PDB file of N, CA and C in Angstrom:
ATOM      1  N   UNK A   1     -21.311 -14.514  10.376  1.00  0.00           N
ATOM      2  CA  UNK A   1     -20.135 -13.759  10.753  1.00  0.00           C
ATOM      3  C   UNK A   1     -20.351 -12.306  10.328  1.00  0.00           C
ATOM      4  N   UNK A   2     -20.190 -11.405  11.272  1.00  0.00           N
ATOM      5  CA  UNK A   2     -20.412 -10.007  10.945  1.00  0.00           C
ATOM      6  C   UNK A   2     -19.196  -9.401  10.233  1.00  0.00           C
ATOM      7  N   UNK A   3     -19.373  -8.174   9.773  1.00  0.00           N
ATOM      8  CA  UNK A   3     -18.334  -7.507   8.969  1.00  0.00           C
ATOM      9  C   UNK A   3     -17.044  -7.300   9.758  1.00  0.00           C
ATOM     10  N   UNK A   4     -17.173  -6.964  11.033  1.00  0.00           N
ATOM     11  CA  UNK A   4     -15.984  -6.734  11.869  1.00  0.00           C
ATOM     12  C   UNK A   4     -15.170  -8.011  12.026  1.00  0.00           C
ATOM     13  N   UNK A   5     -15.852  -9.121  12.233  1.00  0.00           N
ATOM     14  CA  UNK A   5     -15.173 -10.413  12.383  1.00  0.00           C
ATOM     15  C   UNK A   5     -14.514 -10.837  11.072  1.00  0.00           C
ATOM     16  N   UNK A   6     -15.181 -10.612   9.968  1.00  0.00           N
ATOM     17  CA  UNK A   6     -14.609 -10.927   8.657  1.00  0.00           C
ATOM     18  C   UNK A   6     -13.366 -10.101   8.405  1.00  0.00           C
ATOM     19  N   UNK A   7     -13.417  -8.833   8.754  1.00  0.00           N
ATOM     20  CA  UNK A   7     -12.256  -7.953   8.591  1.00  0.00           C
ATOM     21  C   UNK A   7     -11.069  -8.466   9.400  1.00  0.00           C
ATOM     22  N   UNK A   8     -11.325  -8.863  10.647  1.00  0.00           N
ATOM     23  CA  UNK A   8     -10.251  -9.358  11.511  1.00  0.00           C
ATOM     24  C   UNK A   8      -9.630 -10.637  10.956  1.00  0.00           C
ATOM     25  N   UNK A   9     -10.455 -11.552  10.535  1.00  0.00           N
ATOM     26  CA  UNK A   9      -9.953 -12.835  10.024  1.00  0.00           C
ATOM     27  C   UNK A   9      -9.179 -12.628   8.730  1.00  0.00           C
ATOM     28  N   UNK A  10      -9.724 -11.854   7.825  1.00  0.00           N
ATOM     29  CA  UNK A  10      -9.045 -11.612   6.545  1.00  0.00           C
ATOM     30  C   UNK A  10      -7.729 -10.861   6.744  1.00  0.00           C
ATOM     31  N   UNK A  11      -7.723  -9.876   7.624  1.00  0.00           N
ATOM     32  CA  UNK A  11      -6.501  -9.126   7.898  1.00  0.00           C
ATOM     33  C   UNK A  11      -5.433 -10.014   8.527  1.00  0.00           C
ATOM     34  N   UNK A  12      -5.829 -10.846   9.480  1.00  0.00           N
ATOM     35  CA  UNK A  12      -4.845 -11.721  10.115  1.00  0.00           C
ATOM     36  C   UNK A  12      -4.357 -12.800   9.153  1.00  0.00           C
ATOM     37  N   UNK A  13      -5.222 -13.268   8.272  1.00  0.00           N
ATOM     38  CA  UNK A  13      -4.796 -14.255   7.266  1.00  0.00           C
ATOM     39  C   UNK A  13      -3.753 -13.679   6.324  1.00  0.00           C
ATOM     40  N   UNK A  14      -3.828 -12.387   6.076  1.00  0.00           N
ATOM     41  CA  UNK A  14      -2.803 -11.749   5.241  1.00  0.00           C
ATOM     42  C   UNK A  14      -1.430 -11.909   5.869  1.00  0.00           C
ATOM     43  N   UNK A  15      -1.346 -11.746   7.192  1.00  0.00           N
ATOM     44  CA  UNK A  15      -0.069 -11.912   7.885  1.00  0.00           C
ATOM     45  C   UNK A  15       0.332 -13.390   7.959  1.00  0.00           C
ATOM     46  N   UNK A  16      -0.632 -14.250   8.279  1.00  0.00           N
ATOM     47  CA  UNK A  16      -0.336 -15.677   8.410  1.00  0.00           C
ATOM     48  C   UNK A  16      -0.034 -16.348   7.073  1.00  0.00           C
ATOM     49  N   UNK A  17      -0.363 -15.690   5.985  1.00  0.00           N
ATOM     50  CA  UNK A  17      -0.133 -16.288   4.666  1.00  0.00           C
ATOM     51  C   UNK A  17       1.347 -16.469   4.354  1.00  0.00           C
ATOM     52  N   UNK A  18       2.222 -15.951   5.191  1.00  0.00           N
ATOM     53  CA  UNK A  18       3.653 -16.179   5.000  1.00  0.00           C
ATOM     54  C   UNK A  18       3.947 -17.682   5.042  1.00  0.00           C
ATOM     55  N   UNK A  19       3.056 -18.450   5.676  1.00  0.00           N
ATOM     56  CA  UNK A  19       3.238 -19.899   5.768  1.00  0.00           C
ATOM     57  C   UNK A  19       2.635 -20.671   4.601  1.00  0.00           C
ATOM     58  N   UNK A  20       1.613 -20.103   3.948  1.00  0.00           N
ATOM     59  CA  UNK A  20       0.925 -20.911   2.940  1.00  0.00           C
ATOM     60  C   UNK A  20       0.779 -20.261   1.569  1.00  0.00           C
ATOM     61  N   UNK A  21       0.889 -18.957   1.445  1.00  0.00           N
ATOM     62  CA  UNK A  21       0.662 -18.347   0.133  1.00  0.00           C
ATOM     63  C   UNK A  21       1.649 -17.244  -0.196  1.00  0.00           C
ATOM     64  N   UNK A  22       2.630 -17.072   0.651  1.00  0.00           N
ATOM     65  CA  UNK A  22       3.626 -16.043   0.384  1.00  0.00           C
ATOM     66  C   UNK A  22       3.019 -14.664   0.230  1.00  0.00           C
ATOM     67  N   UNK A  23       3.510 -13.924  -0.723  1.00  0.00           N
ATOM     68  CA  UNK A  23       3.044 -12.553  -0.910  1.00  0.00           C
ATOM     69  C   UNK A  23       1.808 -12.484  -1.795  1.00  0.00           C
ATOM     70  N   UNK A  24       1.385 -13.581  -2.393  1.00  0.00           N
ATOM     71  CA  UNK A  24       0.257 -13.571  -3.330  1.00  0.00           C
ATOM     72  C   UNK A  24      -1.064 -13.263  -2.624  1.00  0.00           C
ATOM     73  N   UNK A  25      -1.335 -13.923  -1.510  1.00  0.00           N
ATOM     74  CA  UNK A  25      -2.603 -13.727  -0.806  1.00  0.00           C
ATOM     75  C   UNK A  25      -2.798 -12.278  -0.350  1.00  0.00           C
ATOM     76  N   UNK A  26      -1.813 -11.673   0.367  1.00  0.00           N
ATOM     77  CA  UNK A  26      -2.049 -10.279   0.758  1.00  0.00           C
ATOM     78  C   UNK A  26      -2.137  -9.337  -0.431  1.00  0.00           C
ATOM     79  N   UNK A  27      -1.433  -9.650  -1.517  1.00  0.00           N
ATOM     80  CA  UNK A  27      -1.513  -8.802  -2.707  1.00  0.00           C
ATOM     81  C   UNK A  27      -2.915  -8.844  -3.300  1.00  0.00           C
ATOM     82  N   UNK A  28      -3.491 -10.029  -3.394  1.00  0.00           N
ATOM     83  CA  UNK A  28      -4.848 -10.169  -3.935  1.00  0.00           C
ATOM     84  C   UNK A  28      -5.859  -9.476  -3.020  1.00  0.00           C
ATOM     85  N   UNK A  29      -5.711  -9.653  -1.704  1.00  0.00           N
ATOM     86  CA  UNK A  29      -6.631  -8.999  -0.758  1.00  0.00           C
ATOM     87  C   UNK A  29      -6.491  -7.485  -0.858  1.00  0.00           C
ATOM     88  N   UNK A  30      -5.264  -7.015  -0.984  1.00  0.00           N
ATOM     89  CA  UNK A  30      -5.010  -5.581  -1.107  1.00  0.00           C
ATOM     90  C   UNK A  30      -5.725  -5.012  -2.334  1.00  0.00           C
ATOM     91  N   UNK A  31      -5.666  -5.731  -3.444  1.00  0.00           N
ATOM     92  CA  UNK A  31      -6.317  -5.260  -4.669  1.00  0.00           C
ATOM     93  C   UNK A  31      -7.834  -5.420  -4.634  1.00  0.00           C
ATOM     94  N   UNK A  32      -8.318  -6.502  -4.022  1.00  0.00           N
ATOM     95  CA  UNK A  32      -9.727  -6.851  -4.115  1.00  0.00           C
ATOM     96  C   UNK A  32     -10.594  -6.282  -2.990  1.00  0.00           C
ATOM     97  N   UNK A  33     -10.000  -5.971  -1.858  1.00  0.00           N
ATOM     98  CA  UNK A  33     -10.792  -5.545  -0.707  1.00  0.00           C
ATOM     99  C   UNK A  33     -11.305  -4.121  -0.878  1.00  0.00           C
ATOM    100  N   UNK A  34     -12.517  -3.919  -0.409  1.00  0.00           N
ATOM    101  CA  UNK A  34     -13.100  -2.591  -0.440  1.00  0.00           C
ATOM    102  C   UNK A  34     -12.985  -1.905   0.908  1.00  0.00           C
ATOM    103  N   UNK A  35     -12.571  -2.665   1.922  1.00  0.00           N
ATOM    104  CA  UNK A  35     -12.461  -2.143   3.287  1.00  0.00           C
ATOM    105  C   UNK A  35     -11.083  -1.522   3.499  1.00  0.00           C
ATOM    106  N   UNK A  36     -11.045  -0.290   3.975  1.00  0.00           N
ATOM    107  CA  UNK A  36      -9.785   0.430   4.159  1.00  0.00           C
ATOM    108  C   UNK A  36      -8.847  -0.218   5.169  1.00  0.00           C
ATOM    109  N   UNK A  37      -9.400  -0.715   6.275  1.00  0.00           N
ATOM    110  CA  UNK A  37      -8.572  -1.334   7.307  1.00  0.00           C
ATOM    111  C   UNK A  37      -7.950  -2.626   6.783  1.00  0.00           C
ATOM    112  N   UNK A  38      -8.736  -3.430   6.105  1.00  0.00           N
ATOM    113  CA  UNK A  38      -8.223  -4.682   5.539  1.00  0.00           C
ATOM    114  C   UNK A  38      -7.172  -4.387   4.483  1.00  0.00           C
ATOM    115  N   UNK A  39      -7.411  -3.380   3.663  1.00  0.00           N
ATOM    116  CA  UNK A  39      -6.423  -2.979   2.649  1.00  0.00           C
ATOM    117  C   UNK A  39      -5.102  -2.587   3.294  1.00  0.00           C
ATOM    118  N   UNK A  40      -5.181  -1.837   4.391  1.00  0.00           N
ATOM    119  CA  UNK A  40      -3.977  -1.388   5.089  1.00  0.00           C
ATOM    120  C   UNK A  40      -3.190  -2.587   5.632  1.00  0.00           C
ATOM    121  N   UNK A  41      -3.878  -3.533   6.253  1.00  0.00           N
ATOM    122  CA  UNK A  41      -3.200  -4.727   6.773  1.00  0.00           C
ATOM    123  C   UNK A  41      -2.638  -5.585   5.639  1.00  0.00           C
ATOM    124  N   UNK A  42      -3.381  -5.697   4.550  1.00  0.00           N
ATOM    125  CA  UNK A  42      -2.903  -6.481   3.408  1.00  0.00           C
ATOM    126  C   UNK A  42      -1.644  -5.857   2.818  1.00  0.00           C
ATOM    127  N   UNK A  43      -1.618  -4.537   2.739  1.00  0.00           N
ATOM    128  CA  UNK A  43      -0.441  -3.846   2.196  1.00  0.00           C
ATOM    129  C   UNK A  43       0.774  -4.058   3.099  1.00  0.00           C
ATOM    130  N   UNK A  44       0.585  -3.933   4.411  1.00  0.00           N
ATOM    131  CA  UNK A  44       1.688  -4.161   5.349  1.00  0.00           C
ATOM    132  C   UNK A  44       2.193  -5.595   5.265  1.00  0.00           C
ATOM    133  N   UNK A  45       1.271  -6.539   5.193  1.00  0.00           N
ATOM    134  CA  UNK A  45       1.660  -7.943   5.100  1.00  0.00           C
ATOM    135  C   UNK A  45       2.388  -8.212   3.787  1.00  0.00           C
ATOM    136  N   UNK A  46       1.887  -7.655   2.705  1.00  0.00           N
ATOM    137  CA  UNK A  46       2.516  -7.827   1.393  1.00  0.00           C
ATOM    138  C   UNK A  46       3.955  -7.318   1.411  1.00  0.00           C
ATOM    139  N   UNK A  47       4.151  -6.120   1.924  1.00  0.00           N
ATOM    140  CA  UNK A  47       5.501  -5.547   1.981  1.00  0.00           C
ATOM    141  C   UNK A  47       6.412  -6.346   2.910  1.00  0.00           C
ATOM    142  N   UNK A  48       5.871  -6.819   4.025  1.00  0.00           N
ATOM    143  CA  UNK A  48       6.701  -7.611   4.938  1.00  0.00           C
ATOM    144  C   UNK A  48       7.066  -8.964   4.336  1.00  0.00           C
ATOM    145  N   UNK A  49       6.250  -9.481   3.446  1.00  0.00           N
ATOM    146  CA  UNK A  49       6.574 -10.740   2.776  1.00  0.00           C
ATOM    147  C   UNK A  49       7.642 -10.532   1.705  1.00  0.00           C
ATOM    148  N   UNK A  50       7.737  -9.315   1.183  1.00  0.00           N
ATOM    149  CA  UNK A  50       8.741  -9.018   0.153  1.00  0.00           C
ATOM    150  C   UNK A  50      10.118  -8.682   0.736  1.00  0.00           C
ATOM    151  N   UNK A  51      10.167  -8.210   1.967  1.00  0.00           N
ATOM    152  CA  UNK A  51      11.437  -7.784   2.571  1.00  0.00           C
ATOM    153  C   UNK A  51      12.512  -8.866   2.519  1.00  0.00           C
ATOM    154  N   UNK A  52      12.234 -10.136   2.832  1.00  0.00           N
ATOM    155  CA  UNK A  52      13.294 -11.146   2.796  1.00  0.00           C
ATOM    156  C   UNK A  52      13.861 -11.417   1.397  1.00  0.00           C
ATOM    157  N   UNK A  53      13.195 -10.955   0.372  1.00  0.00           N
ATOM    158  CA  UNK A  53      13.701 -11.175  -0.983  1.00  0.00           C
ATOM    159  C   UNK A  53      14.959 -10.343  -1.233  1.00  0.00           C
ATOM    160  N   UNK A  54      15.064  -9.194  -0.585  1.00  0.00           N
ATOM    161  CA  UNK A  54      16.221  -8.314  -0.789  1.00  0.00           C
ATOM    162  C   UNK A  54      17.527  -8.985  -0.394  1.00  0.00           C
ATOM    163  N   UNK A  55      17.659  -9.513   0.847  1.00  0.00           N
ATOM    164  CA  UNK A  55      18.925 -10.182   1.161  1.00  0.00           C
ATOM    165  C   UNK A  55      19.128 -11.479   0.368  1.00  0.00           C
ATOM    166  N   UNK A  56      18.028 -12.073  -0.082  1.00  0.00           N
ATOM    167  CA  UNK A  56      18.150 -13.296  -0.876  1.00  0.00           C
ATOM    168  C   UNK A  56      18.837 -13.000  -2.214  1.00  0.00           C
ATOM    169  N   UNK A  57      18.572 -11.845  -2.786  1.00  0.00           N
ATOM    170  CA  UNK A  57      19.229 -11.457  -4.036  1.00  0.00           C
ATOM    171  C   UNK A  57      20.730 -11.327  -3.809  1.00  0.00           C
ATOM    172  N   UNK A  58      21.114 -10.679  -2.704  1.00  0.00           N
ATOM    173  CA  UNK A  58      22.538 -10.563  -2.382  1.00  0.00           C
ATOM    174  C   UNK A  58      23.161 -11.932  -2.119  1.00  0.00           C
ATOM    175  N   UNK A  59      22.395 -12.825  -1.491  1.00  0.00           N
ATOM    176  CA  UNK A  59      22.894 -14.167  -1.226  1.00  0.00           C
ATOM    177  C   UNK A  59      23.184 -14.901  -2.532  1.00  0.00           C
ATOM    178  N   UNK A  60      22.312 -14.773  -3.499  1.00  0.00           N
ATOM    179  CA  UNK A  60      22.517 -15.435  -4.793  1.00  0.00           C
ATOM    180  C   UNK A  60      23.770 -14.896  -5.471  1.00  0.00           C
ATOM    181  N   UNK A  61      23.937 -13.576  -5.441  1.00  0.00           N
ATOM    182  CA  UNK A  61      25.150 -12.990  -6.029  1.00  0.00           C
ATOM    183  C   UNK A  61      26.413 -13.452  -5.295  1.00  0.00           C
ATOM    184  N   UNK A  62      26.350 -13.559  -3.981  1.00  0.00           N
ATOM    185  CA  UNK A  62      27.507 -14.013  -3.202  1.00  0.00           C
ATOM    186  C   UNK A  62      27.854 -15.459  -3.534  1.00  0.00           C
ATOM    187  N   UNK A  63      26.846 -16.297  -3.671  1.00  0.00           N
ATOM    188  CA  UNK A  63      27.084 -17.703  -4.000  1.00  0.00           C
ATOM    189  C   UNK A  63      27.701 -17.817  -5.386  1.00  0.00           C
ATOM    190  N   UNK A  64      27.162 -17.083  -6.336  1.00  0.00           N
ATOM    191  CA  UNK A  64      27.709 -17.119  -7.702  1.00  0.00           C
ATOM    192  C   UNK A  64      29.131 -16.574  -7.717  1.00  0.00           C
ATOM    193  N   UNK A  65      29.360 -15.469  -7.008  1.00  0.00           N
ATOM    194  CA  UNK A  65      30.683 -14.872  -6.959  1.00  0.00           C
ATOM    195  C   UNK A  65      31.703 -15.820  -6.327  1.00  0.00           C
ATOM    196  N   UNK A  66      31.319 -16.459  -5.234  1.00  0.00           N
ATOM    197  CA  UNK A  66      32.232 -17.408  -4.587  1.00  0.00           C
ATOM    198  C   UNK A  66      32.431 -18.664  -5.427  1.00  0.00           C
ATOM    199  N   UNK A  67      31.427 -19.048  -6.196  1.00  0.00           N
ATOM    200  CA  UNK A  67      31.571 -20.226  -7.061  1.00  0.00           C
ATOM    201  C   UNK A  67      32.510 -19.938  -8.229  1.00  0.00           C
ATOM    202  N   UNK A  68      32.463 -18.714  -8.725  1.00  0.00           N
ATOM    203  CA  UNK A  68      33.348 -18.336  -9.839  1.00  0.00           C
ATOM    204  C   UNK A  68      34.791 -18.215  -9.353  1.00  0.00           C
ATOM    205  N   UNK A  69      34.959 -17.614  -8.188  1.00  0.00           N
ATOM    206  CA  UNK A  69      36.298 -17.422  -7.623  1.00  0.00           C
ATOM    207  C   UNK A  69      36.613 -18.543  -6.639  1.00  0.00           C
ATOM    208  N   UNK A  70      36.780 -19.739  -7.132  1.00  0.00           N
ATOM    209  CA  UNK A  70      37.048 -20.890  -6.273  1.00  0.00           C
ATOM    210  C   UNK A  70      38.417 -20.705  -5.610  1.00  0.00           C
ATOM    211  N   UNK A  71      38.396 -20.711  -4.283  1.00  0.00           N
ATOM    212  CA  UNK A  71      39.620 -20.519  -3.517  1.00  0.00           C
ATOM    213  C   UNK A  71      39.711 -21.598  -2.441  1.00  0.00           C
ATOM    214  N   UNK A  72      40.842 -21.662  -1.816  1.00  0.00           N
ATOM    215  CA  UNK A  72      41.056 -22.644  -0.761  1.00  0.00           C
ATOM    216  C   UNK A  72      40.403 -22.230   0.554  1.00  0.00           C
ATOM    217  N   UNK A  73      40.114 -20.955   0.684  1.00  0.00           N
ATOM    218  CA  UNK A  73      39.553 -20.475   1.940  1.00  0.00           C
ATOM    219  C   UNK A  73      38.035 -20.584   1.957  1.00  0.00           C
ATOM    220  N   UNK A  74      37.481 -20.371   3.139  1.00  0.00           N
ATOM    221  CA  UNK A  74      36.037 -20.454   3.329  1.00  0.00           C
ATOM    222  C   UNK A  74      35.346 -19.302   2.596  1.00  0.00           C
ATOM    223  N   UNK A  75      34.251 -19.564   1.913  1.00  0.00           N
ATOM    224  CA  UNK A  75      33.531 -18.502   1.184  1.00  0.00           C
ATOM    225  C   UNK A  75      32.773 -17.589   2.156  1.00  0.00           C
ATOM    226  N   UNK A  76      33.429 -16.576   2.645  1.00  0.00           N
ATOM    227  CA  UNK A  76      32.898 -15.701   3.692  1.00  0.00           C
ATOM    228  C   UNK A  76      31.631 -14.983   3.237  1.00  0.00           C
ATOM    229  N   UNK A  77      31.649 -14.443   2.029  1.00  0.00           N
ATOM    230  CA  UNK A  77      30.463 -13.713   1.543  1.00  0.00           C
ATOM    231  C   UNK A  77      29.227 -14.611   1.516  1.00  0.00           C
ATOM    232  N   UNK A  78      29.416 -15.842   1.100  1.00  0.00           N
ATOM    233  CA  UNK A  78      28.285 -16.764   1.023  1.00  0.00           C
ATOM    234  C   UNK A  78      27.757 -17.080   2.412  1.00  0.00           C
ATOM    235  N   UNK A  79      28.640 -17.374   3.332  1.00  0.00           N
ATOM    236  CA  UNK A  79      28.219 -17.717   4.690  1.00  0.00           C
ATOM    237  C   UNK A  79      27.511 -16.534   5.351  1.00  0.00           C
ATOM    238  N   UNK A  80      28.087 -15.344   5.243  1.00  0.00           N
ATOM    239  CA  UNK A  80      27.480 -14.154   5.845  1.00  0.00           C
ATOM    240  C   UNK A  80      26.115 -13.868   5.219  1.00  0.00           C
ATOM    241  N   UNK A  81      26.025 -13.969   3.908  1.00  0.00           N
ATOM    242  CA  UNK A  81      24.748 -13.675   3.249  1.00  0.00           C
ATOM    243  C   UNK A  81      23.679 -14.709   3.606  1.00  0.00           C
ATOM    244  N   UNK A  82      24.069 -15.952   3.776  1.00  0.00           N
ATOM    245  CA  UNK A  82      23.096 -16.987   4.181  1.00  0.00           C
ATOM    246  C   UNK A  82      22.606 -16.720   5.604  1.00  0.00           C
ATOM    247  N   UNK A  83      23.514 -16.357   6.495  1.00  0.00           N
ATOM    248  CA  UNK A  83      23.128 -16.060   7.880  1.00  0.00           C
ATOM    249  C   UNK A  83      22.209 -14.839   7.942  1.00  0.00           C
ATOM    250  N   UNK A  84      22.571 -13.791   7.225  1.00  0.00           N
ATOM    251  CA  UNK A  84      21.741 -12.576   7.224  1.00  0.00           C
ATOM    252  C   UNK A  84      20.360 -12.862   6.639  1.00  0.00           C
ATOM    253  N   UNK A  85      20.320 -13.599   5.538  1.00  0.00           N
ATOM    254  CA  UNK A  85      19.031 -13.940   4.928  1.00  0.00           C
ATOM    255  C   UNK A  85      18.178 -14.771   5.881  1.00  0.00           C
ATOM    256  N   UNK A  86      18.787 -15.737   6.546  1.00  0.00           N
ATOM    257  CA  UNK A  86      18.058 -16.554   7.514  1.00  0.00           C
ATOM    258  C   UNK A  86      17.512 -15.731   8.669  1.00  0.00           C
ATOM    259  N   UNK A  87      18.317 -14.802   9.171  1.00  0.00           N
ATOM    260  CA  UNK A  87      17.860 -13.945  10.261  1.00  0.00           C
ATOM    261  C   UNK A  87      16.709 -13.034   9.821  1.00  0.00           C
ATOM    262  N   UNK A  88      16.808 -12.482   8.624  1.00  0.00           N
ATOM    263  CA  UNK A  88      15.727 -11.620   8.118  1.00  0.00           C
ATOM    264  C   UNK A  88      14.442 -12.425   7.961  1.00  0.00           C
ATOM    265  N   UNK A  89      14.538 -13.643   7.416  1.00  0.00           N
ATOM    266  CA  UNK A  89      13.349 -14.504   7.285  1.00  0.00           C
ATOM    267  C   UNK A  89      12.738 -14.796   8.650  1.00  0.00           C
ATOM    268  N   UNK A  90      13.588 -15.151   9.615  1.00  0.00           N
ATOM    269  CA  UNK A  90      13.097 -15.471  10.952  1.00  0.00           C
ATOM    270  C   UNK A  90      12.409 -14.268  11.588  1.00  0.00           C
ATOM    271  N   UNK A  91      13.019 -13.111  11.489  1.00  0.00           N
ATOM    272  CA  UNK A  91      12.426 -11.892  12.044  1.00  0.00           C
ATOM    273  C   UNK A  91      11.082 -11.587  11.378  1.00  0.00           C
ATOM    274  N   UNK A  92      11.017 -11.746  10.069  1.00  0.00           N
ATOM    275  CA  UNK A  92       9.766 -11.441   9.363  1.00  0.00           C
ATOM    276  C   UNK A  92       8.663 -12.455   9.707  1.00  0.00           C
ATOM    277  N   UNK A  93       9.022 -13.709   9.872  1.00  0.00           N
ATOM    278  CA  UNK A  93       8.019 -14.714  10.264  1.00  0.00           C
ATOM    279  C   UNK A  93       7.479 -14.390  11.648  1.00  0.00           C
ATOM    280  N   UNK A  94       8.371 -14.095  12.591  1.00  0.00           N
ATOM    281  CA  UNK A  94       7.938 -13.751  13.946  1.00  0.00           C
ATOM    282  C   UNK A  94       7.078 -12.489  13.931  1.00  0.00           C
ATOM    283  N   UNK A  95       7.502 -11.476  13.163  1.00  0.00           N
ATOM    284  CA  UNK A  95       6.742 -10.232  13.085  1.00  0.00           C
ATOM    285  C   UNK A  95       5.345 -10.484  12.529  1.00  0.00           C
ATOM    286  N   UNK A  96       5.245 -11.307  11.479  1.00  0.00           N
ATOM    287  CA  UNK A  96       3.935 -11.600  10.881  1.00  0.00           C
ATOM    288  C   UNK A  96       3.047 -12.387  11.834  1.00  0.00           C
ATOM    289  N   UNK A  97       3.618 -13.296  12.597  1.00  0.00           N
ATOM    290  CA  UNK A  97       2.824 -14.040  13.583  1.00  0.00           C
ATOM    291  C   UNK A  97       2.281 -13.082  14.641  1.00  0.00           C
ATOM    292  N   UNK A  98       3.150 -12.212  15.150  1.00  0.00           N
ATOM    293  CA  UNK A  98       2.723 -11.248  16.171  1.00  0.00           C
ATOM    294  C   UNK A  98       1.630 -10.325  15.628  1.00  0.00           C
ATOM    295  N   UNK A  99       1.841  -9.796  14.430  1.00  0.00           N
ATOM    296  CA  UNK A  99       0.830  -8.900  13.840  1.00  0.00           C
ATOM    297  C   UNK A  99      -0.489  -9.641  13.588  1.00  0.00           C
ATOM    298  N   UNK A 100      -0.427 -10.869  13.100  1.00  0.00           N
ATOM    299  CA  UNK A 100      -1.649 -11.634  12.845  1.00  0.00           C
ATOM    300  C   UNK A 100      -2.439 -11.894  14.110  1.00  0.00           C
ATOM    301  N   UNK A 101      -1.736 -12.250  15.186  1.00  0.00           N
ATOM    302  CA  UNK A 101      -2.409 -12.482  16.466  1.00  0.00           C
ATOM    303  C   UNK A 101      -2.965 -11.176  17.017  1.00  0.00           C
ATOM    304  N   UNK A 102      -2.197 -10.118  16.896  1.00  0.00           N
ATOM    305  CA  UNK A 102      -2.625  -8.801  17.403  1.00  0.00           C
ATOM    306  C   UNK A 102      -3.910  -8.344  16.708  1.00  0.00           C
ATOM    307  N   UNK A 103      -3.994  -8.559  15.405  1.00  0.00           N
ATOM    308  CA  UNK A 103      -5.202  -8.172  14.661  1.00  0.00           C
ATOM    309  C   UNK A 103      -6.402  -8.984  15.144  1.00  0.00           C
ATOM    310  N   UNK A 104      -6.198 -10.275  15.360  1.00  0.00           N
ATOM    311  CA  UNK A 104      -7.304 -11.115  15.815  1.00  0.00           C
ATOM    312  C   UNK A 104      -7.782 -10.733  17.217  1.00  0.00           C
ATOM    313  N   UNK A 105      -6.863 -10.371  18.071  1.00  0.00           N
ATOM    314  CA  UNK A 105      -7.204 -10.105  19.469  1.00  0.00           C
ATOM    315  C   UNK A 105      -7.730  -8.694  19.711  1.00  0.00           C
ATOM    316  N   UNK A 106      -7.106  -7.701  19.076  1.00  0.00           N
ATOM    317  CA  UNK A 106      -7.431  -6.316  19.446  1.00  0.00           C
ATOM    318  C   UNK A 106      -8.468  -5.634  18.580  1.00  0.00           C
ATOM    319  N   UNK A 107      -8.474  -5.860  17.319  1.00  0.00           N
ATOM    320  CA  UNK A 107      -9.353  -5.047  16.460  1.00  0.00           C
ATOM    321  C   UNK A 107     -10.770  -5.480  16.515  1.00  0.00           C
TER     322      UNK A 107
END
């Protein structure tokens, strides 16, 4: 396998790692790779794997807040935060799949 093919596979694996290694794999590749293009893809993949954590933090606070303030009505903050977190995860998974395929096909 030549260097160009290795770069493509490693870069696309950084994006696909959302399914098997989370943000750890692209972070390690980002730190360990000597190739600038692979580093760039690893950094993008790493950051895209971290994005869904932001709404998840708000979701946890909403769940705790609604659990403390037990009311007869539906916990709106919890439901909204779960939906938003789910949508962000779905968007990021789709984005990572598209980027991973694009790297394999075009570069």
